[in-house]
Amino acid sequence: MKKTLFFVIIFFCTISNISAENIKRIVIGNADAKISIIAFESLTCSHCANFHKDVLPDLKKDYLDTGLAKIEFRHFPLDIAAFNASKVAQCNNDGDSKILNSLYAKTYA
């Protein structure tokens, strides 16, 4: 019983050090920008794909590239395919949106 309790305590002490702050996010724009946009996206959502194809280039040109704002993409999978795609995107994450652009290019809008 004492061994089990010991391992349970060690487990919970170890898991408490894991936080969402350690996850590398995909961010475009100036990190110190006063305006922060957080986009929750599903990689199988046609509306999210439309945003990446149609809206994001203009937003990037007018606000993100000028340093006025930054956008942070967070995964919000709506189905198992989006969940698996978000795992791929997170594992291949270098902080750039290239992986999102390539995955959304395959999404039919």
PDB file of N, CA and C in Angstrom:
ATOM      1  N   MET A   1       0.823  -1.196   0.000  1.00  0.00           N
ATOM      2  CA  MET A   1       0.000   0.000   0.000  1.00  0.00           C
ATOM      3  C   MET A   1       0.868   1.261   0.000  1.00  0.00           C
ATOM      4  N   LYS A   2       1.934   1.239   0.782  1.00  0.00           N
ATOM      5  CA  LYS A   2       2.808   2.402   0.862  1.00  0.00           C
ATOM      6  C   LYS A   2       3.517   2.653  -0.463  1.00  0.00           C
ATOM      7  N   LYS A   3       3.894   1.564  -1.154  1.00  0.00           N
ATOM      8  CA  LYS A   3       4.544   1.725  -2.454  1.00  0.00           C
ATOM      9  C   LYS A   3       3.590   2.335  -3.465  1.00  0.00           C
ATOM     10  N   THR A   4       2.357   1.885  -3.455  1.00  0.00           N
ATOM     11  CA  THR A   4       1.361   2.418  -4.383  1.00  0.00           C
ATOM     12  C   THR A   4       1.123   3.897  -4.114  1.00  0.00           C
ATOM     13  N   LEU A   5       0.975   4.247  -2.862  1.00  0.00           N
ATOM     14  CA  LEU A   5       0.771   5.644  -2.492  1.00  0.00           C
ATOM     15  C   LEU A   5       1.967   6.494  -2.904  1.00  0.00           C
ATOM     16  N   PHE A   6       3.159   5.968  -2.721  1.00  0.00           N
ATOM     17  CA  PHE A   6       4.369   6.677  -3.116  1.00  0.00           C
ATOM     18  C   PHE A   6       4.369   6.959  -4.621  1.00  0.00           C
ATOM     19  N   PHE A   7       4.047   5.942  -5.428  1.00  0.00           N
ATOM     20  CA  PHE A   7       4.039   6.119  -6.878  1.00  0.00           C
ATOM     21  C   PHE A   7       2.929   7.067  -7.335  1.00  0.00           C
ATOM     22  N   VAL A   8       1.800   7.036  -6.666  1.00  0.00           N
ATOM     23  CA  VAL A   8       0.716   7.964  -7.001  1.00  0.00           C
ATOM     24  C   VAL A   8       1.143   9.399  -6.713  1.00  0.00           C
ATOM     25  N   ILE A   9       1.780   9.619  -5.594  1.00  0.00           N
ATOM     26  CA  ILE A   9       2.249  10.970  -5.245  1.00  0.00           C
ATOM     27  C   ILE A   9       3.304  11.444  -6.236  1.00  0.00           C
ATOM     28  N   ILE A  10       4.245  10.574  -6.589  1.00  0.00           N
ATOM     29  CA  ILE A  10       5.279  10.930  -7.573  1.00  0.00           C
ATOM     30  C   ILE A  10       4.635  11.251  -8.916  1.00  0.00           C
ATOM     31  N   PHE A  11       3.642  10.453  -9.315  1.00  0.00           N
ATOM     32  CA  PHE A  11       2.962  10.685 -10.592  1.00  0.00           C
ATOM     33  C   PHE A  11       2.309  12.061 -10.625  1.00  0.00           C
ATOM     34  N   PHE A  12       1.564  12.405  -9.585  1.00  0.00           N
ATOM     35  CA  PHE A  12       0.877  13.690  -9.580  1.00  0.00           C
ATOM     36  C   PHE A  12       1.837  14.869  -9.447  1.00  0.00           C
ATOM     37  N   CYS A  13       2.942  14.679  -8.776  1.00  0.00           N
ATOM     38  CA  CYS A  13       3.952  15.742  -8.713  1.00  0.00           C
ATOM     39  C   CYS A  13       4.600  15.958 -10.074  1.00  0.00           C
ATOM     40  N   THR A  14       4.805  14.881 -10.811  1.00  0.00           N
ATOM     41  CA  THR A  14       5.405  14.979 -12.142  1.00  0.00           C
ATOM     42  C   THR A  14       4.443  15.604 -13.131  1.00  0.00           C
ATOM     43  N   ILE A  15       3.195  15.197 -13.076  1.00  0.00           N
ATOM     44  CA  ILE A  15       2.221  15.692 -14.048  1.00  0.00           C
ATOM     45  C   ILE A  15       1.887  17.165 -13.814  1.00  0.00           C
ATOM     46  N   SER A  16       2.077  17.664 -12.610  1.00  0.00           N
ATOM     47  CA  SER A  16       1.766  19.066 -12.329  1.00  0.00           C
ATOM     48  C   SER A  16       2.714  20.017 -13.048  1.00  0.00           C
ATOM     49  N   ASN A  17       3.875  19.533 -13.482  1.00  0.00           N
ATOM     50  CA  ASN A  17       4.836  20.370 -14.198  1.00  0.00           C
ATOM     51  C   ASN A  17       4.486  20.535 -15.668  1.00  0.00           C
ATOM     52  N   ILE A  18       3.558  19.739 -16.163  1.00  0.00           N
ATOM     53  CA  ILE A  18       3.150  19.823 -17.561  1.00  0.00           C
ATOM     54  C   ILE A  18       2.070  20.886 -17.676  1.00  0.00           C
ATOM     55  N   SER A  19       2.252  21.823 -18.597  1.00  0.00           N
ATOM     56  CA  SER A  19       1.246  22.867 -18.769  1.00  0.00           C
ATOM     57  C   SER A  19       1.097  23.213 -20.240  1.00  0.00           C
ATOM     58  N   ALA A  20       0.019  23.894 -20.551  1.00  0.00           N
ATOM     59  CA  ALA A  20      -0.242  24.303 -21.930  1.00  0.00           C
ATOM     60  C   ALA A  20       0.754  25.354 -22.399  1.00  0.00           C
ATOM     61  N   GLU A  21       1.430  26.005 -21.485  1.00  0.00           N
ATOM     62  CA  GLU A  21       2.403  27.026 -21.857  1.00  0.00           C
ATOM     63  C   GLU A  21       3.617  26.425 -22.554  1.00  0.00           C
ATOM     64  N   ASN A  22       3.843  25.129 -22.372  1.00  0.00           N
ATOM     65  CA  ASN A  22       4.991  24.473 -22.988  1.00  0.00           C
ATOM     66  C   ASN A  22       4.740  24.087 -24.444  1.00  0.00           C
ATOM     67  N   ILE A  23       3.503  24.196 -24.896  1.00  0.00           N
ATOM     68  CA  ILE A  23       3.165  23.831 -26.265  1.00  0.00           C
ATOM     69  C   ILE A  23       3.589  24.960 -27.199  1.00  0.00           C
ATOM     70  N   LYS A  24       4.314  24.604 -28.238  1.00  0.00           N
ATOM     71  CA  LYS A  24       4.737  25.607 -29.213  1.00  0.00           C
ATOM     72  C   LYS A  24       3.554  25.940 -30.119  1.00  0.00           C
ATOM     73  N   ARG A  25       3.188  27.194 -30.179  1.00  0.00           N
ATOM     74  CA  ARG A  25       2.043  27.650 -30.961  1.00  0.00           C
ATOM     75  C   ARG A  25       2.492  28.124 -32.334  1.00  0.00           C
ATOM     76  N   ILE A  26       1.569  28.068 -33.272  1.00  0.00           N
ATOM     77  CA  ILE A  26       1.808  28.616 -34.606  1.00  0.00           C
ATOM     78  C   ILE A  26       1.335  30.062 -34.577  1.00  0.00           C
ATOM     79  N   VAL A  27       2.266  30.981 -34.726  1.00  0.00           N
ATOM     80  CA  VAL A  27       1.968  32.411 -34.616  1.00  0.00           C
ATOM     81  C   VAL A  27       2.527  33.126 -35.831  1.00  0.00           C
ATOM     82  N   ILE A  28       1.726  34.044 -36.381  1.00  0.00           N
ATOM     83  CA  ILE A  28       2.171  34.914 -37.470  1.00  0.00           C
ATOM     84  C   ILE A  28       2.074  36.345 -36.966  1.00  0.00           C
ATOM     85  N   GLY A  29       3.097  37.130 -37.215  1.00  0.00           N
ATOM     86  CA  GLY A  29       3.085  38.536 -36.834  1.00  0.00           C
ATOM     87  C   GLY A  29       4.082  38.834 -35.732  1.00  0.00           C
ATOM     88  N   ASN A  30       4.082  40.087 -35.313  1.00  0.00           N
ATOM     89  CA  ASN A  30       4.984  40.579 -34.283  1.00  0.00           C
ATOM     90  C   ASN A  30       4.572  40.018 -32.923  1.00  0.00           C
ATOM     91  N   ALA A  31       5.480  39.357 -32.248  1.00  0.00           N
ATOM     92  CA  ALA A  31       5.173  38.762 -30.946  1.00  0.00           C
ATOM     93  C   ALA A  31       4.787  39.812 -29.911  1.00  0.00           C
ATOM     94  N   ASP A  32       5.251  41.050 -30.084  1.00  0.00           N
ATOM     95  CA  ASP A  32       4.957  42.124 -29.139  1.00  0.00           C
ATOM     96  C   ASP A  32       3.798  43.012 -29.586  1.00  0.00           C
ATOM     97  N   ALA A  33       3.036  42.586 -30.580  1.00  0.00           N
ATOM     98  CA  ALA A  33       1.928  43.400 -31.090  1.00  0.00           C
ATOM     99  C   ALA A  33       0.862  43.582 -30.014  1.00  0.00           C
ATOM    100  N   LYS A  34       0.231  44.756 -30.027  1.00  0.00           N
ATOM    101  CA  LYS A  34      -0.802  45.057 -29.040  1.00  0.00           C
ATOM    102  C   LYS A  34      -2.095  44.293 -29.313  1.00  0.00           C
ATOM    103  N   ILE A  35      -2.327  43.938 -30.559  1.00  0.00           N
ATOM    104  CA  ILE A  35      -3.541  43.211 -30.933  1.00  0.00           C
ATOM    105  C   ILE A  35      -3.186  41.743 -31.133  1.00  0.00           C
ATOM    106  N   SER A  36      -3.855  40.887 -30.382  1.00  0.00           N
ATOM    107  CA  SER A  36      -3.655  39.441 -30.508  1.00  0.00           C
ATOM    108  C   SER A  36      -4.955  38.805 -30.972  1.00  0.00           C
ATOM    109  N   ILE A  37      -4.867  38.030 -32.027  1.00  0.00           N
ATOM    110  CA  ILE A  37      -6.014  37.291 -32.538  1.00  0.00           C
ATOM    111  C   ILE A  37      -5.734  35.820 -32.275  1.00  0.00           C
ATOM    112  N   ILE A  38      -6.677  35.145 -31.645  1.00  0.00           N
ATOM    113  CA  ILE A  38      -6.537  33.708 -31.420  1.00  0.00           C
ATOM    114  C   ILE A  38      -7.597  33.022 -32.262  1.00  0.00           C
ATOM    115  N   ALA A  39      -7.146  32.188 -33.189  1.00  0.00           N
ATOM    116  CA  ALA A  39      -8.051  31.488 -34.102  1.00  0.00           C
ATOM    117  C   ALA A  39      -8.113  30.018 -33.707  1.00  0.00           C
ATOM    118  N   PHE A  40      -9.282  29.569 -33.301  1.00  0.00           N
ATOM    119  CA  PHE A  40      -9.510  28.158 -33.015  1.00  0.00           C
ATOM    120  C   PHE A  40     -10.014  27.527 -34.296  1.00  0.00           C
ATOM    121  N   GLU A  41      -9.275  26.532 -34.799  1.00  0.00           N
ATOM    122  CA  GLU A  41      -9.576  25.984 -36.118  1.00  0.00           C
ATOM    123  C   GLU A  41      -9.612  24.464 -36.104  1.00  0.00           C
ATOM    124  N   SER A  42     -10.457  23.939 -36.993  1.00  0.00           N
ATOM    125  CA  SER A  42     -10.492  22.509 -37.264  1.00  0.00           C
ATOM    126  C   SER A  42      -9.963  22.299 -38.677  1.00  0.00           C
ATOM    127  N   LEU A  43      -9.048  21.375 -38.834  1.00  0.00           N
ATOM    128  CA  LEU A  43      -8.382  21.191 -40.120  1.00  0.00           C
ATOM    129  C   LEU A  43      -9.255  20.522 -41.178  1.00  0.00           C
ATOM    130  N   THR A  44     -10.464  20.111 -40.820  1.00  0.00           N
ATOM    131  CA  THR A  44     -11.401  19.581 -41.814  1.00  0.00           C
ATOM    132  C   THR A  44     -12.580  20.526 -42.046  1.00  0.00           C
ATOM    133  N   CYS A  45     -12.529  21.700 -41.477  1.00  0.00           N
ATOM    134  CA  CYS A  45     -13.617  22.678 -41.597  1.00  0.00           C
ATOM    135  C   CYS A  45     -13.454  23.493 -42.877  1.00  0.00           C
ATOM    136  N   SER A  46     -14.488  23.508 -43.702  1.00  0.00           N
ATOM    137  CA  SER A  46     -14.402  24.254 -44.960  1.00  0.00           C
ATOM    138  C   SER A  46     -14.355  25.763 -44.713  1.00  0.00           C
ATOM    139  N   HIS A  47     -14.983  26.230 -43.655  1.00  0.00           N
ATOM    140  CA  HIS A  47     -14.949  27.666 -43.342  1.00  0.00           C
ATOM    141  C   HIS A  47     -13.546  28.095 -42.896  1.00  0.00           C
ATOM    142  N   CYS A  48     -12.891  27.239 -42.133  1.00  0.00           N
ATOM    143  CA  CYS A  48     -11.506  27.518 -41.723  1.00  0.00           C
ATOM    144  C   CYS A  48     -10.577  27.509 -42.931  1.00  0.00           C
ATOM    145  N   ALA A  49     -10.835  26.594 -43.863  1.00  0.00           N
ATOM    146  CA  ALA A  49     -10.040  26.546 -45.095  1.00  0.00           C
ATOM    147  C   ALA A  49     -10.253  27.813 -45.915  1.00  0.00           C
ATOM    148  N   ASN A  50     -11.510  28.274 -46.001  1.00  0.00           N
ATOM    149  CA  ASN A  50     -11.789  29.532 -46.706  1.00  0.00           C
ATOM    150  C   ASN A  50     -11.062  30.695 -46.051  1.00  0.00           C
ATOM    151  N   PHE A  51     -11.024  30.721 -44.729  1.00  0.00           N
ATOM    152  CA  PHE A  51     -10.306  31.778 -44.025  1.00  0.00           C
ATOM    153  C   PHE A  51      -8.835  31.776 -44.424  1.00  0.00           C
ATOM    154  N   HIS A  52      -8.215  30.607 -44.448  1.00  0.00           N
ATOM    155  CA  HIS A  52      -6.791  30.516 -44.800  1.00  0.00           C
ATOM    156  C   HIS A  52      -6.535  30.895 -46.246  1.00  0.00           C
ATOM    157  N   LYS A  53      -7.448  30.555 -47.133  1.00  0.00           N
ATOM    158  CA  LYS A  53      -7.233  30.811 -48.558  1.00  0.00           C
ATOM    159  C   LYS A  53      -7.610  32.231 -48.966  1.00  0.00           C
ATOM    160  N   ASP A  54      -8.684  32.769 -48.381  1.00  0.00           N
ATOM    161  CA  ASP A  54      -9.225  34.044 -48.854  1.00  0.00           C
ATOM    162  C   ASP A  54      -8.950  35.227 -47.926  1.00  0.00           C
ATOM    163  N   VAL A  55      -9.090  35.040 -46.635  1.00  0.00           N
ATOM    164  CA  VAL A  55      -9.012  36.154 -45.684  1.00  0.00           C
ATOM    165  C   VAL A  55      -7.595  36.359 -45.149  1.00  0.00           C
ATOM    166  N   LEU A  56      -6.923  35.278 -44.805  1.00  0.00           N
ATOM    167  CA  LEU A  56      -5.606  35.384 -44.174  1.00  0.00           C
ATOM    168  C   LEU A  56      -4.577  36.144 -45.007  1.00  0.00           C
ATOM    169  N   PRO A  57      -4.510  35.969 -46.331  1.00  0.00           N
ATOM    170  CA  PRO A  57      -3.520  36.755 -47.089  1.00  0.00           C
ATOM    171  C   PRO A  57      -3.706  38.270 -46.950  1.00  0.00           C
ATOM    172  N   ASP A  58      -4.959  38.735 -46.980  1.00  0.00           N
ATOM    173  CA  ASP A  58      -5.214  40.174 -46.810  1.00  0.00           C
ATOM    174  C   ASP A  58      -4.931  40.617 -45.377  1.00  0.00           C
ATOM    175  N   LEU A  59      -5.331  39.802 -44.416  1.00  0.00           N
ATOM    176  CA  LEU A  59      -5.060  40.110 -43.014  1.00  0.00           C
ATOM    177  C   LEU A  59      -3.560  40.172 -42.758  1.00  0.00           C
ATOM    178  N   LYS A  60      -2.836  39.248 -43.349  1.00  0.00           N
ATOM    179  CA  LYS A  60      -1.375  39.209 -43.202  1.00  0.00           C
ATOM    180  C   LYS A  60      -0.736  40.454 -43.799  1.00  0.00           C
ATOM    181  N   LYS A  61      -1.186  40.826 -44.989  1.00  0.00           N
ATOM    182  CA  LYS A  61      -0.610  41.987 -45.673  1.00  0.00           C
ATOM    183  C   LYS A  61      -0.892  43.282 -44.917  1.00  0.00           C
ATOM    184  N   ASP A  62      -2.125  43.462 -44.453  1.00  0.00           N
ATOM    185  CA  ASP A  62      -2.532  44.732 -43.855  1.00  0.00           C
ATOM    186  C   ASP A  62      -2.166  44.876 -42.374  1.00  0.00           C
ATOM    187  N   TYR A  63      -2.163  43.783 -41.625  1.00  0.00           N
ATOM    188  CA  TYR A  63      -1.995  43.900 -40.179  1.00  0.00           C
ATOM    189  C   TYR A  63      -0.808  43.116 -39.614  1.00  0.00           C
ATOM    190  N   LEU A  64      -0.623  41.889 -40.082  1.00  0.00           N
ATOM    191  CA  LEU A  64       0.407  41.042 -39.478  1.00  0.00           C
ATOM    192  C   LEU A  64       1.805  41.435 -39.929  1.00  0.00           C
ATOM    193  N   ASP A  65       1.971  41.689 -41.229  1.00  0.00           N
ATOM    194  CA  ASP A  65       3.289  42.066 -41.744  1.00  0.00           C
ATOM    195  C   ASP A  65       3.709  43.467 -41.313  1.00  0.00           C
ATOM    196  N   THR A  66       2.747  44.322 -40.985  1.00  0.00           N
ATOM    197  CA  THR A  66       3.066  45.684 -40.547  1.00  0.00           C
ATOM    198  C   THR A  66       3.369  45.760 -39.049  1.00  0.00           C
ATOM    199  N   GLY A  67       3.136  44.665 -38.323  1.00  0.00           N
ATOM    200  CA  GLY A  67       3.422  44.644 -36.895  1.00  0.00           C
ATOM    201  C   GLY A  67       2.289  45.136 -36.020  1.00  0.00           C
ATOM    202  N   LEU A  68       1.134  45.428 -36.615  1.00  0.00           N
ATOM    203  CA  LEU A  68       0.004  45.907 -35.821  1.00  0.00           C
ATOM    204  C   LEU A  68      -0.659  44.798 -35.012  1.00  0.00           C
ATOM    205  N   ALA A  69      -0.607  43.580 -35.521  1.00  0.00           N
ATOM    206  CA  ALA A  69      -1.301  42.474 -34.862  1.00  0.00           C
ATOM    207  C   ALA A  69      -0.522  41.180 -35.052  1.00  0.00           C
ATOM    208  N   LYS A  70      -0.919  40.199 -34.275  1.00  0.00           N
ATOM    209  CA  LYS A  70      -0.407  38.837 -34.445  1.00  0.00           C
ATOM    210  C   LYS A  70      -1.601  37.895 -34.367  1.00  0.00           C
ATOM    211  N   ILE A  71      -1.482  36.756 -35.016  1.00  0.00           N
ATOM    212  CA  ILE A  71      -2.535  35.749 -34.964  1.00  0.00           C
ATOM    213  C   ILE A  71      -1.921  34.438 -34.508  1.00  0.00           C
ATOM    214  N   GLU A  72      -2.593  33.811 -33.576  1.00  0.00           N
ATOM    215  CA  GLU A  72      -2.142  32.530 -33.029  1.00  0.00           C
ATOM    216  C   GLU A  72      -3.195  31.483 -33.369  1.00  0.00           C
ATOM    217  N   PHE A  73      -2.750  30.396 -33.960  1.00  0.00           N
ATOM    218  CA  PHE A  73      -3.662  29.335 -34.369  1.00  0.00           C
ATOM    219  C   PHE A  73      -3.662  28.236 -33.315  1.00  0.00           C
ATOM    220  N   ARG A  74      -4.870  27.855 -32.905  1.00  0.00           N
ATOM    221  CA  ARG A  74      -5.023  26.763 -31.945  1.00  0.00           C
ATOM    222  C   ARG A  74      -5.931  25.702 -32.554  1.00  0.00           C
ATOM    223  N   HIS A  75      -5.628  24.465 -32.235  1.00  0.00           N
ATOM    224  CA  HIS A  75      -6.393  23.355 -32.794  1.00  0.00           C
ATOM    225  C   HIS A  75      -7.720  23.197 -32.054  1.00  0.00           C
ATOM    226  N   PHE A  76      -8.789  22.992 -32.827  1.00  0.00           N
ATOM    227  CA  PHE A  76     -10.118  22.717 -32.295  1.00  0.00           C
ATOM    228  C   PHE A  76     -10.758  21.670 -33.204  1.00  0.00           C
ATOM    229  N   PRO A  77     -10.269  20.425 -33.129  1.00  0.00           N
ATOM    230  CA  PRO A  77     -10.739  19.401 -34.066  1.00  0.00           C
ATOM    231  C   PRO A  77     -12.207  19.052 -33.843  1.00  0.00           C
ATOM    232  N   LEU A  78     -12.951  18.987 -34.939  1.00  0.00           N
ATOM    233  CA  LEU A  78     -14.375  18.684 -34.878  1.00  0.00           C
ATOM    234  C   LEU A  78     -14.684  17.220 -35.153  1.00  0.00           C
ATOM    235  N   ASP A  79     -13.720  16.479 -35.664  1.00  0.00           N
ATOM    236  CA  ASP A  79     -13.917  15.056 -35.932  1.00  0.00           C
ATOM    237  C   ASP A  79     -12.574  14.342 -35.814  1.00  0.00           C
ATOM    238  N   ILE A  80     -12.599  13.027 -35.998  1.00  0.00           N
ATOM    239  CA  ILE A  80     -11.377  12.245 -35.805  1.00  0.00           C
ATOM    240  C   ILE A  80     -10.328  12.566 -36.867  1.00  0.00           C
ATOM    241  N   ALA A  81     -10.756  12.864 -38.081  1.00  0.00           N
ATOM    242  CA  ALA A  81      -9.796  13.226 -39.130  1.00  0.00           C
ATOM    243  C   ALA A  81      -9.090  14.537 -38.785  1.00  0.00           C
ATOM    244  N   ALA A  82      -9.843  15.499 -38.281  1.00  0.00           N
ATOM    245  CA  ALA A  82      -9.243  16.777 -37.873  1.00  0.00           C
ATOM    246  C   ALA A  82      -8.324  16.583 -36.671  1.00  0.00           C
ATOM    247  N   PHE A  83      -8.707  15.680 -35.773  1.00  0.00           N
ATOM    248  CA  PHE A  83      -7.861  15.390 -34.613  1.00  0.00           C
ATOM    249  C   PHE A  83      -6.526  14.808 -35.058  1.00  0.00           C
ATOM    250  N   ASN A  84      -6.571  13.859 -35.981  1.00  0.00           N
ATOM    251  CA  ASN A  84      -5.331  13.259 -36.479  1.00  0.00           C
ATOM    252  C   ASN A  84      -4.496  14.278 -37.252  1.00  0.00           C
ATOM    253  N   ALA A  85      -5.149  15.120 -38.047  1.00  0.00           N
ATOM    254  CA  ALA A  85      -4.425  16.160 -38.783  1.00  0.00           C
ATOM    255  C   ALA A  85      -3.799  17.170 -37.827  1.00  0.00           C
ATOM    256  N   SER A  86      -4.497  17.493 -36.746  1.00  0.00           N
ATOM    257  CA  SER A  86      -3.931  18.446 -35.781  1.00  0.00           C
ATOM    258  C   SER A  86      -2.727  17.846 -35.059  1.00  0.00           C
ATOM    259  N   LYS A  87      -2.740  16.531 -34.837  1.00  0.00           N
ATOM    260  CA  LYS A  87      -1.564  15.882 -34.243  1.00  0.00           C
ATOM    261  C   LYS A  87      -0.369  15.976 -35.188  1.00  0.00           C
ATOM    262  N   VAL A  88      -0.620  15.754 -36.481  1.00  0.00           N
ATOM    263  CA  VAL A  88       0.452  15.874 -37.474  1.00  0.00           C
ATOM    264  C   VAL A  88       0.975  17.306 -37.510  1.00  0.00           C
ATOM    265  N   ALA A  89       0.056  18.263 -37.521  1.00  0.00           N
ATOM    266  CA  ALA A  89       0.455  19.673 -37.575  1.00  0.00           C
ATOM    267  C   ALA A  89       1.257  20.067 -36.338  1.00  0.00           C
ATOM    268  N   GLN A  90       0.857  19.581 -35.179  1.00  0.00           N
ATOM    269  CA  GLN A  90       1.569  19.940 -33.955  1.00  0.00           C
ATOM    270  C   GLN A  90       2.943  19.280 -33.897  1.00  0.00           C
ATOM    271  N   CYS A  91       3.036  18.040 -34.353  1.00  0.00           N
ATOM    272  CA  CYS A  91       4.336  17.352 -34.340  1.00  0.00           C
ATOM    273  C   CYS A  91       5.298  17.956 -35.352  1.00  0.00           C
ATOM    274  N   ASN A  92       4.771  18.486 -36.436  1.00  0.00           N
ATOM    275  CA  ASN A  92       5.590  19.086 -37.488  1.00  0.00           C
ATOM    276  C   ASN A  92       5.672  20.605 -37.316  1.00  0.00           C
ATOM    277  N   ASN A  93       5.350  21.086 -36.141  1.00  0.00           N
ATOM    278  CA  ASN A  93       5.252  22.517 -35.879  1.00  0.00           C
ATOM    279  C   ASN A  93       6.631  23.136 -35.695  1.00  0.00           C
ATOM    280  N   ASP A  94       6.927  24.113 -36.529  1.00  0.00           N
ATOM    281  CA  ASP A  94       8.148  24.895 -36.363  1.00  0.00           C
ATOM    282  C   ASP A  94       7.812  26.350 -36.041  1.00  0.00           C
ATOM    283  N   GLY A  95       6.554  26.603 -35.669  1.00  0.00           N
ATOM    284  CA  GLY A  95       6.120  27.954 -35.359  1.00  0.00           C
ATOM    285  C   GLY A  95       5.654  28.731 -36.567  1.00  0.00           C
ATOM    286  N   ASP A  96       5.743  28.122 -37.739  1.00  0.00           N
ATOM    287  CA  ASP A  96       5.344  28.760 -38.991  1.00  0.00           C
ATOM    288  C   ASP A  96       4.014  28.162 -39.447  1.00  0.00           C
ATOM    289  N   SER A  97       3.315  28.877 -40.293  1.00  0.00           N
ATOM    290  CA  SER A  97       2.003  28.413 -40.741  1.00  0.00           C
ATOM    291  C   SER A  97       2.067  27.576 -42.012  1.00  0.00           C
ATOM    292  N   LYS A  98       3.251  27.195 -42.459  1.00  0.00           N
ATOM    293  CA  LYS A  98       3.363  26.417 -43.696  1.00  0.00           C
ATOM    294  C   LYS A  98       2.612  25.100 -43.612  1.00  0.00           C
ATOM    295  N   ILE A  99       2.680  24.430 -42.471  1.00  0.00           N
ATOM    296  CA  ILE A  99       1.988  23.152 -42.328  1.00  0.00           C
ATOM    297  C   ILE A  99       0.481  23.347 -42.408  1.00  0.00           C
ATOM    298  N   LEU A 100      -0.031  24.420 -41.802  1.00  0.00           N
ATOM    299  CA  LEU A 100      -1.470  24.684 -41.884  1.00  0.00           C
ATOM    300  C   LEU A 100      -1.887  24.990 -43.309  1.00  0.00           C
ATOM    301  N   ASN A 101      -1.083  25.783 -43.995  1.00  0.00           N
ATOM    302  CA  ASN A 101      -1.406  26.118 -45.383  1.00  0.00           C
ATOM    303  C   ASN A 101      -1.448  24.875 -46.254  1.00  0.00           C
ATOM    304  N   SER A 102      -0.510  23.965 -46.052  1.00  0.00           N
ATOM    305  CA  SER A 102      -0.495  22.758 -46.880  1.00  0.00           C
ATOM    306  C   SER A 102      -1.660  21.836 -46.536  1.00  0.00           C
ATOM    307  N   LEU A 103      -2.028  21.746 -45.264  1.00  0.00           N
ATOM    308  CA  LEU A 103      -3.165  20.909 -44.895  1.00  0.00           C
ATOM    309  C   LEU A 103      -4.483  21.520 -45.363  1.00  0.00           C
ATOM    310  N   TYR A 104      -4.617  22.830 -45.270  1.00  0.00           N
ATOM    311  CA  TYR A 104      -5.848  23.473 -45.735  1.00  0.00           C
ATOM    312  C   TYR A 104      -5.955  23.478 -47.251  1.00  0.00           C
ATOM    313  N   ALA A 105      -4.843  23.392 -47.951  1.00  0.00           N
ATOM    314  CA  ALA A 105      -4.889  23.319 -49.414  1.00  0.00           C
ATOM    315  C   ALA A 105      -5.586  22.044 -49.866  1.00  0.00           C
ATOM    316  N   LYS A 106      -5.570  21.020 -49.019  1.00  0.00           N
ATOM    317  CA  LYS A 106      -6.225  19.750 -49.337  1.00  0.00           C
ATOM    318  C   LYS A 106      -7.694  19.732 -48.930  1.00  0.00           C
ATOM    319  N   THR A 107      -8.136  20.738 -48.170  1.00  0.00           N
ATOM    320  CA  THR A 107      -9.520  20.801 -47.710  1.00  0.00           C
ATOM    321  C   THR A 107     -10.381  21.453 -48.776  1.00  0.00           C
ATOM    322  N   TYR A 108     -11.459  20.794 -49.103  1.00  0.00           N
ATOM    323  CA  TYR A 108     -12.361  21.342 -50.121  1.00  0.00           C
ATOM    324  C   TYR A 108     -13.257  22.389 -49.492  1.00  0.00           C
ATOM    325  N   ALA A 109     -13.269  23.569 -50.079  1.00  0.00           N
ATOM    326  CA  ALA A 109     -14.068  24.668 -49.538  1.00  0.00           C
ATOM    327  C   ALA A 109     -15.330  24.855 -50.342  1.00  0.00           C
TER     328      ALA A 109
END
